PDB file of all heavy atoms in Angstrom:
ATOM      1  N   GLN A   1     -16.966  -4.365   5.896  1.00  0.00           N
ATOM      2  CA  GLN A   1     -18.413  -4.411   5.713  1.00  0.00           C
ATOM      3  C   GLN A   1     -19.065  -5.349   6.723  1.00  0.00           C
ATOM      4  O   GLN A   1     -20.148  -5.069   7.245  1.00  0.00           O
ATOM      5  CB  GLN A   1     -18.758  -4.829   4.282  1.00  0.00           C
ATOM      6  CG  GLN A   1     -18.413  -3.757   3.253  1.00  0.00           C
ATOM      7  CD  GLN A   1     -18.688  -4.201   1.836  1.00  0.00           C
ATOM      8  OE1 GLN A   1     -19.299  -5.237   1.617  1.00  0.00           O
ATOM      9  NE2 GLN A   1     -18.258  -3.405   0.853  1.00  0.00           N
ATOM     10  N   ARG A   2     -18.405  -6.446   6.994  1.00  0.00           N
ATOM     11  CA  ARG A   2     -18.951  -7.426   7.956  1.00  0.00           C
ATOM     12  C   ARG A   2     -18.984  -6.811   9.361  1.00  0.00           C
ATOM     13  O   ARG A   2     -19.971  -6.978  10.093  1.00  0.00           O
ATOM     14  CB  ARG A   2     -18.107  -8.701   7.933  1.00  0.00           C
ATOM     15  CG  ARG A   2     -18.549  -9.748   8.969  1.00  0.00           C
ATOM     16  CD  ARG A   2     -18.052 -11.119   8.577  1.00  0.00           C
ATOM     17  NE  ARG A   2     -16.626 -11.191   8.493  1.00  0.00           N
ATOM     18  CZ  ARG A   2     -15.807 -11.456   9.528  1.00  0.00           C
ATOM     19  NH1 ARG A   2     -16.327 -11.644  10.727  1.00  0.00           N
ATOM     20  NH2 ARG A   2     -14.500 -11.512   9.370  1.00  0.00           N
ATOM     21  N   VAL A   3     -17.898  -6.108   9.745  1.00  0.00           N
ATOM     22  CA  VAL A   3     -17.847  -5.494  11.091  1.00  0.00           C
ATOM     23  C   VAL A   3     -18.903  -4.399  11.200  1.00  0.00           C
ATOM     24  O   VAL A   3     -19.633  -4.318  12.203  1.00  0.00           O
ATOM     25  CB  VAL A   3     -16.443  -4.923  11.356  1.00  0.00           C
ATOM     26  CG1 VAL A   3     -16.449  -4.049  12.609  1.00  0.00           C
ATOM     27  CG2 VAL A   3     -15.432  -6.055  11.488  1.00  0.00           C
ATOM     28  N   ALA A   4     -19.012  -3.538  10.183  1.00  0.00           N
ATOM     29  CA  ALA A   4     -19.986  -2.459  10.190  1.00  0.00           C
ATOM     30  C   ALA A   4     -21.404  -3.033  10.199  1.00  0.00           C
ATOM     31  O   ALA A   4     -22.275  -2.499  10.891  1.00  0.00           O
ATOM     32  CB  ALA A   4     -19.797  -1.541   9.000  1.00  0.00           C
ATOM     33  N   GLY A   5     -21.620  -4.094   9.464  1.00  0.00           N
ATOM     34  CA  GLY A   5     -22.939  -4.732   9.422  1.00  0.00           C
ATOM     35  C   GLY A   5     -23.342  -5.317  10.760  1.00  0.00           C
ATOM     36  O   GLY A   5     -24.554  -5.428  11.061  1.00  0.00           O
ATOM     37  N   ALA A   6     -22.355  -5.685  11.578  1.00  0.00           N
ATOM     38  CA  ALA A   6     -22.652  -6.222  12.910  1.00  0.00           C
ATOM     39  C   ALA A   6     -22.788  -5.122  13.959  1.00  0.00           C
ATOM     40  O   ALA A   6     -22.960  -5.414  15.152  1.00  0.00           O
ATOM     41  CB  ALA A   6     -21.541  -7.209  13.317  1.00  0.00           C
ATOM     42  N   GLY A   7     -22.687  -3.865  13.516  1.00  0.00           N
ATOM     43  CA  GLY A   7     -22.842  -2.757  14.450  1.00  0.00           C
ATOM     44  C   GLY A   7     -21.549  -2.303  15.082  1.00  0.00           C
ATOM     45  O   GLY A   7     -21.575  -1.478  16.000  1.00  0.00           O
ATOM     46  N   GLY A   8     -20.404  -2.826  14.594  1.00  0.00           N
ATOM     47  CA  GLY A   8     -19.136  -2.444  15.168  1.00  0.00           C
ATOM     48  C   GLY A   8     -18.463  -1.341  14.375  1.00  0.00           C
ATOM     49  O   GLY A   8     -18.931  -0.895  13.340  1.00  0.00           O
ATOM     50  N   THR A   9     -17.323  -0.876  14.918  1.00  0.00           N
ATOM     51  CA  THR A   9     -16.508   0.133  14.265  1.00  0.00           C
ATOM     52  C   THR A   9     -15.197  -0.514  13.841  1.00  0.00           C
ATOM     53  O   THR A   9     -14.468  -1.011  14.697  1.00  0.00           O
ATOM     54  CB  THR A   9     -16.234   1.308  15.196  1.00  0.00           C
ATOM     55  OG1 THR A   9     -17.477   1.869  15.612  1.00  0.00           O
ATOM     56  CG2 THR A   9     -15.384   2.370  14.524  1.00  0.00           C
ATOM     57  N   PRO A  10     -14.884  -0.516  12.542  1.00  0.00           N
ATOM     58  CA  PRO A  10     -13.630  -1.140  12.093  1.00  0.00           C
ATOM     59  C   PRO A  10     -12.455  -0.174  12.112  1.00  0.00           C
ATOM     60  O   PRO A  10     -12.573   0.972  11.661  1.00  0.00           O
ATOM     61  CB  PRO A  10     -13.958  -1.567  10.652  1.00  0.00           C
ATOM     62  CG  PRO A  10     -15.006  -0.611  10.181  1.00  0.00           C
ATOM     63  CD  PRO A  10     -15.729  -0.132  11.423  1.00  0.00           C
ATOM     64  N   LEU A  11     -11.326  -0.599  12.653  1.00  0.00           N
ATOM     65  CA  LEU A  11     -10.055   0.131  12.573  1.00  0.00           C
ATOM     66  C   LEU A  11      -9.080  -0.728  11.790  1.00  0.00           C
ATOM     67  O   LEU A  11      -8.845  -1.890  12.133  1.00  0.00           O
ATOM     68  CB  LEU A  11      -9.492   0.420  13.952  1.00  0.00           C
ATOM     69  CG  LEU A  11     -10.201   1.450  14.859  1.00  0.00           C
ATOM     70  CD1 LEU A  11      -9.431   1.598  16.156  1.00  0.00           C
ATOM     71  CD2 LEU A  11     -10.338   2.784  14.168  1.00  0.00           C
ATOM     72  N   VAL A  12      -8.530  -0.180  10.737  1.00  0.00           N
ATOM     73  CA  VAL A  12      -7.589  -0.913   9.898  1.00  0.00           C
ATOM     74  C   VAL A  12      -6.167  -0.676  10.413  1.00  0.00           C
ATOM     75  O   VAL A  12      -5.821   0.457  10.767  1.00  0.00           O
ATOM     76  CB  VAL A  12      -7.715  -0.522   8.424  1.00  0.00           C
ATOM     77  CG1 VAL A  12      -6.719  -1.288   7.554  1.00  0.00           C
ATOM     78  CG2 VAL A  12      -9.122  -0.763   7.934  1.00  0.00           C
ATOM     79  N   VAL A  13      -5.351  -1.740  10.435  1.00  0.00           N
ATOM     80  CA  VAL A  13      -3.958  -1.664  10.887  1.00  0.00           C
ATOM     81  C   VAL A  13      -3.024  -1.962   9.717  1.00  0.00           C
ATOM     82  O   VAL A  13      -3.245  -2.936   8.960  1.00  0.00           O
ATOM     83  CB  VAL A  13      -3.699  -2.641  12.038  1.00  0.00           C
ATOM     84  CG1 VAL A  13      -2.235  -2.560  12.498  1.00  0.00           C
ATOM     85  CG2 VAL A  13      -4.640  -2.379  13.190  1.00  0.00           C
ATOM     86  N   ALA A  14      -1.996  -1.111   9.551  1.00  0.00           N
ATOM     87  CA  ALA A  14      -1.014  -1.327   8.488  1.00  0.00           C
ATOM     88  C   ALA A  14       0.386  -1.256   9.071  1.00  0.00           C
ATOM     89  O   ALA A  14       0.645  -0.451   9.953  1.00  0.00           O
ATOM     90  CB  ALA A  14      -1.178  -0.288   7.399  1.00  0.00           C
ATOM     91  N   HIS A  15       1.288  -2.135   8.560  1.00  0.00           N
ATOM     92  CA  HIS A  15       2.692  -2.172   8.994  1.00  0.00           C
ATOM     93  C   HIS A  15       3.561  -2.004   7.753  1.00  0.00           C
ATOM     94  O   HIS A  15       3.564  -2.861   6.862  1.00  0.00           O
ATOM     95  CB  HIS A  15       2.993  -3.495   9.698  1.00  0.00           C
ATOM     96  CG  HIS A  15       4.400  -3.573  10.225  1.00  0.00           C
ATOM     97  ND1 HIS A  15       4.957  -4.759  10.632  1.00  0.00           N
ATOM     98  CD2 HIS A  15       5.347  -2.627  10.454  1.00  0.00           C
ATOM     99  CE1 HIS A  15       6.192  -4.540  11.069  1.00  0.00           C
ATOM    100  NE2 HIS A  15       6.444  -3.250  10.960  1.00  0.00           N
ATOM    101  N   ASN A  16       4.314  -0.898   7.737  1.00  0.00           N
ATOM    102  CA  ASN A  16       5.178  -0.615   6.572  1.00  0.00           C
ATOM    103  C   ASN A  16       4.404  -0.692   5.260  1.00  0.00           C
ATOM    104  O   ASN A  16       4.792  -1.400   4.327  1.00  0.00           O
ATOM    105  CB  ASN A  16       6.380  -1.561   6.561  1.00  0.00           C
ATOM    106  CG  ASN A  16       7.315  -1.287   7.713  1.00  0.00           C
ATOM    107  OD1 ASN A  16       7.329  -0.187   8.294  1.00  0.00           O
ATOM    108  ND2 ASN A  16       8.108  -2.281   8.109  1.00  0.00           N
ATOM    109  N   ALA A  17       3.295   0.016   5.200  1.00  0.00           N
ATOM    110  CA  ALA A  17       2.431   0.119   4.005  1.00  0.00           C
ATOM    111  C   ALA A  17       1.793  -1.215   3.616  1.00  0.00           C
ATOM    112  O   ALA A  17       1.263  -1.340   2.494  1.00  0.00           O
ATOM    113  CB  ALA A  17       3.212   0.698   2.831  1.00  0.00           C
ATOM    114  N   LYS A  18       1.779  -2.197   4.543  1.00  0.00           N
ATOM    115  CA  LYS A  18       1.123  -3.474   4.263  1.00  0.00           C
ATOM    116  C   LYS A  18      -0.065  -3.599   5.235  1.00  0.00           C
ATOM    117  O   LYS A  18       0.089  -3.487   6.453  1.00  0.00           O
ATOM    118  CB  LYS A  18       2.099  -4.609   4.487  1.00  0.00           C
ATOM    119  CG  LYS A  18       1.439  -5.995   4.352  1.00  0.00           C
ATOM    120  CD  LYS A  18       2.404  -7.104   4.777  1.00  0.00           C
ATOM    121  CE  LYS A  18       1.730  -8.479   4.712  1.00  0.00           C
ATOM    122  NZ  LYS A  18       2.622  -9.570   5.180  1.00  0.00           N
ATOM    123  N   VAL A  19      -1.254  -3.786   4.680  1.00  0.00           N
ATOM    124  CA  VAL A  19      -2.452  -3.931   5.503  1.00  0.00           C
ATOM    125  C   VAL A  19      -2.423  -5.299   6.198  1.00  0.00           C
ATOM    126  O   VAL A  19      -2.293  -6.344   5.546  1.00  0.00           O
ATOM    127  CB  VAL A  19      -3.716  -3.801   4.657  1.00  0.00           C
ATOM    128  CG1 VAL A  19      -4.961  -4.105   5.505  1.00  0.00           C
ATOM    129  CG2 VAL A  19      -3.816  -2.397   4.057  1.00  0.00           C
ATOM    130  N   LEU A  20      -2.544  -5.283   7.536  1.00  0.00           N
ATOM    131  CA  LEU A  20      -2.514  -6.525   8.297  1.00  0.00           C
ATOM    132  C   LEU A  20      -3.920  -7.037   8.606  1.00  0.00           C
ATOM    133  O   LEU A  20      -4.132  -8.261   8.728  1.00  0.00           O
ATOM    134  CB  LEU A  20      -1.767  -6.329   9.613  1.00  0.00           C
ATOM    135  CG  LEU A  20      -0.289  -5.890   9.509  1.00  0.00           C
ATOM    136  CD1 LEU A  20       0.294  -5.732  10.903  1.00  0.00           C
ATOM    137  CD2 LEU A  20       0.502  -6.902   8.690  1.00  0.00           C
ATOM    138  N   GLY A  21      -4.882  -6.128   8.750  1.00  0.00           N
ATOM    139  CA  GLY A  21      -6.228  -6.581   9.091  1.00  0.00           C
ATOM    140  C   GLY A  21      -7.022  -5.497   9.796  1.00  0.00           C
ATOM    141  O   GLY A  21      -6.681  -4.312   9.751  1.00  0.00           O
ATOM    142  N   VAL A  22      -8.051  -5.948  10.490  1.00  0.00           N
ATOM    143  CA  VAL A  22      -9.024  -5.010  11.078  1.00  0.00           C
ATOM    144  C   VAL A  22      -9.202  -5.313  12.590  1.00  0.00           C
ATOM    145  O   VAL A  22      -9.253  -6.487  12.997  1.00  0.00           O
ATOM    146  CB  VAL A  22     -10.398  -5.152  10.382  1.00  0.00           C
ATOM    147  CG1 VAL A  22     -11.465  -4.320  11.073  1.00  0.00           C
ATOM    148  CG2 VAL A  22     -10.270  -4.735   8.899  1.00  0.00           C
ATOM    149  N   ILE A  23      -9.267  -4.232  13.374  1.00  0.00           N
ATOM    150  CA  ILE A  23      -9.634  -4.355  14.786  1.00  0.00           C
ATOM    151  C   ILE A  23     -11.128  -4.091  14.872  1.00  0.00           C
ATOM    152  O   ILE A  23     -11.631  -3.051  14.405  1.00  0.00           O
ATOM    153  CB  ILE A  23      -8.878  -3.342  15.656  1.00  0.00           C
ATOM    154  CG1 ILE A  23      -7.369  -3.478  15.488  1.00  0.00           C
ATOM    155  CG2 ILE A  23      -9.279  -3.516  17.134  1.00  0.00           C
ATOM    156  CD1 ILE A  23      -6.586  -2.338  16.151  1.00  0.00           C
ATOM    157  N   TYR A  24     -11.843  -5.035  15.462  1.00  0.00           N
ATOM    158  CA  TYR A  24     -13.299  -4.897  15.621  1.00  0.00           C
ATOM    159  C   TYR A  24     -13.584  -4.217  16.935  1.00  0.00           C
ATOM    160  O   TYR A  24     -13.436  -4.778  18.006  1.00  0.00           O
ATOM    161  CB  TYR A  24     -13.921  -6.300  15.542  1.00  0.00           C
ATOM    162  CG  TYR A  24     -15.411  -6.392  15.686  1.00  0.00           C
ATOM    163  CD1 TYR A  24     -16.067  -7.627  15.588  1.00  0.00           C
ATOM    164  CD2 TYR A  24     -16.226  -5.274  15.915  1.00  0.00           C
ATOM    165  CE1 TYR A  24     -17.451  -7.741  15.705  1.00  0.00           C
ATOM    166  CE2 TYR A  24     -17.587  -5.380  16.048  1.00  0.00           C
ATOM    167  CZ  TYR A  24     -18.198  -6.613  15.933  1.00  0.00           C
ATOM    168  OH  TYR A  24     -19.567  -6.711  16.052  1.00  0.00           O
ATOM    169  N   LEU A  25     -13.996  -2.916  16.858  1.00  0.00           N
ATOM    170  CA  LEU A  25     -14.400  -2.179  18.055  1.00  0.00           C
ATOM    171  C   LEU A  25     -15.915  -2.297  18.179  1.00  0.00           C
ATOM    172  O   LEU A  25     -16.634  -1.958  17.248  1.00  0.00           O
ATOM    173  CB  LEU A  25     -14.001  -0.721  17.938  1.00  0.00           C
ATOM    174  CG  LEU A  25     -12.512  -0.379  17.983  1.00  0.00           C
ATOM    175  CD1 LEU A  25     -12.306   1.118  17.865  1.00  0.00           C
ATOM    176  CD2 LEU A  25     -11.853  -0.881  19.248  1.00  0.00           C
ATOM    177  N   LYS A  26     -16.343  -2.763  19.313  1.00  0.00           N
ATOM    178  CA  LYS A  26     -17.761  -3.015  19.503  1.00  0.00           C
ATOM    179  C   LYS A  26     -18.368  -2.028  20.473  1.00  0.00           C
ATOM    180  O   LYS A  26     -17.840  -1.773  21.561  1.00  0.00           O
ATOM    181  CB  LYS A  26     -17.987  -4.443  20.014  1.00  0.00           C
ATOM    182  CG  LYS A  26     -19.449  -4.850  20.101  1.00  0.00           C
ATOM    183  CD  LYS A  26     -19.585  -6.306  20.527  1.00  0.00           C
ATOM    184  CE  LYS A  26     -21.062  -6.721  20.545  1.00  0.00           C
ATOM    185  NZ  LYS A  26     -21.226  -8.117  20.998  1.00  0.00           N
ATOM    186  N   ASP A  27     -19.529  -1.436  20.073  1.00  0.00           N
ATOM    187  CA  ASP A  27     -20.320  -0.620  20.993  1.00  0.00           C
ATOM    188  C   ASP A  27     -21.074  -1.583  21.911  1.00  0.00           C
ATOM    189  O   ASP A  27     -21.836  -2.414  21.449  1.00  0.00           O
ATOM    190  CB  ASP A  27     -21.329   0.232  20.227  1.00  0.00           C
ATOM    191  CG  ASP A  27     -20.731   1.547  19.753  1.00  0.00           C
ATOM    192  OD1 ASP A  27     -20.218   2.271  20.607  1.00  0.00           O
ATOM    193  OD2 ASP A  27     -20.769   1.818  18.547  1.00  0.00           O
ATOM    194  N   ILE A  28     -20.847  -1.423  23.215  1.00  0.00           N
ATOM    195  CA  ILE A  28     -21.472  -2.321  24.185  1.00  0.00           C
ATOM    196  C   ILE A  28     -22.824  -1.746  24.592  1.00  0.00           C
ATOM    197  O   ILE A  28     -22.910  -0.670  25.206  1.00  0.00           O
ATOM    198  CB  ILE A  28     -20.586  -2.501  25.433  1.00  0.00           C
ATOM    199  CG1 ILE A  28     -19.164  -2.894  25.017  1.00  0.00           C
ATOM    200  CG2 ILE A  28     -21.207  -3.514  26.379  1.00  0.00           C
ATOM    201  CD1 ILE A  28     -19.062  -4.181  24.271  1.00  0.00           C
ATOM    202  N   VAL A  29     -23.888  -2.443  24.206  1.00  0.00           N
ATOM    203  CA  VAL A  29     -25.229  -2.022  24.579  1.00  0.00           C
ATOM    204  C   VAL A  29     -25.441  -2.260  26.086  1.00  0.00           C
ATOM    205  O   VAL A  29     -25.096  -3.331  26.600  1.00  0.00           O
ATOM    206  CB  VAL A  29     -26.298  -2.781  23.764  1.00  0.00           C
ATOM    207  CG1 VAL A  29     -27.703  -2.430  24.244  1.00  0.00           C
ATOM    208  CG2 VAL A  29     -26.165  -2.440  22.298  1.00  0.00           C
ATOM    209  N   LYS A  30     -25.990  -1.300  26.768  1.00  0.00           N
ATOM    210  CA  LYS A  30     -26.157  -1.383  28.214  1.00  0.00           C
ATOM    211  C   LYS A  30     -27.117  -2.508  28.593  1.00  0.00           C
ATOM    212  O   LYS A  30     -28.098  -2.759  27.884  1.00  0.00           O
ATOM    213  CB  LYS A  30     -26.719  -0.053  28.768  1.00  0.00           C
ATOM    214  CG  LYS A  30     -25.729   1.098  28.719  1.00  0.00           C
ATOM    215  CD  LYS A  30     -26.333   2.350  29.330  1.00  0.00           C
ATOM    216  CE  LYS A  30     -25.347   3.493  29.364  1.00  0.00           C
ATOM    217  NZ  LYS A  30     -25.939   4.713  29.922  1.00  0.00           N
TER     218      LYS A  30
END
């Protein structure tokens, strides 16, 4: 929610069915 609220795209990463966290993908405004 925090990433989306900042205008980013969240990608969740999991290792062996364990959630490790989120990659914050940011749209770069020109």
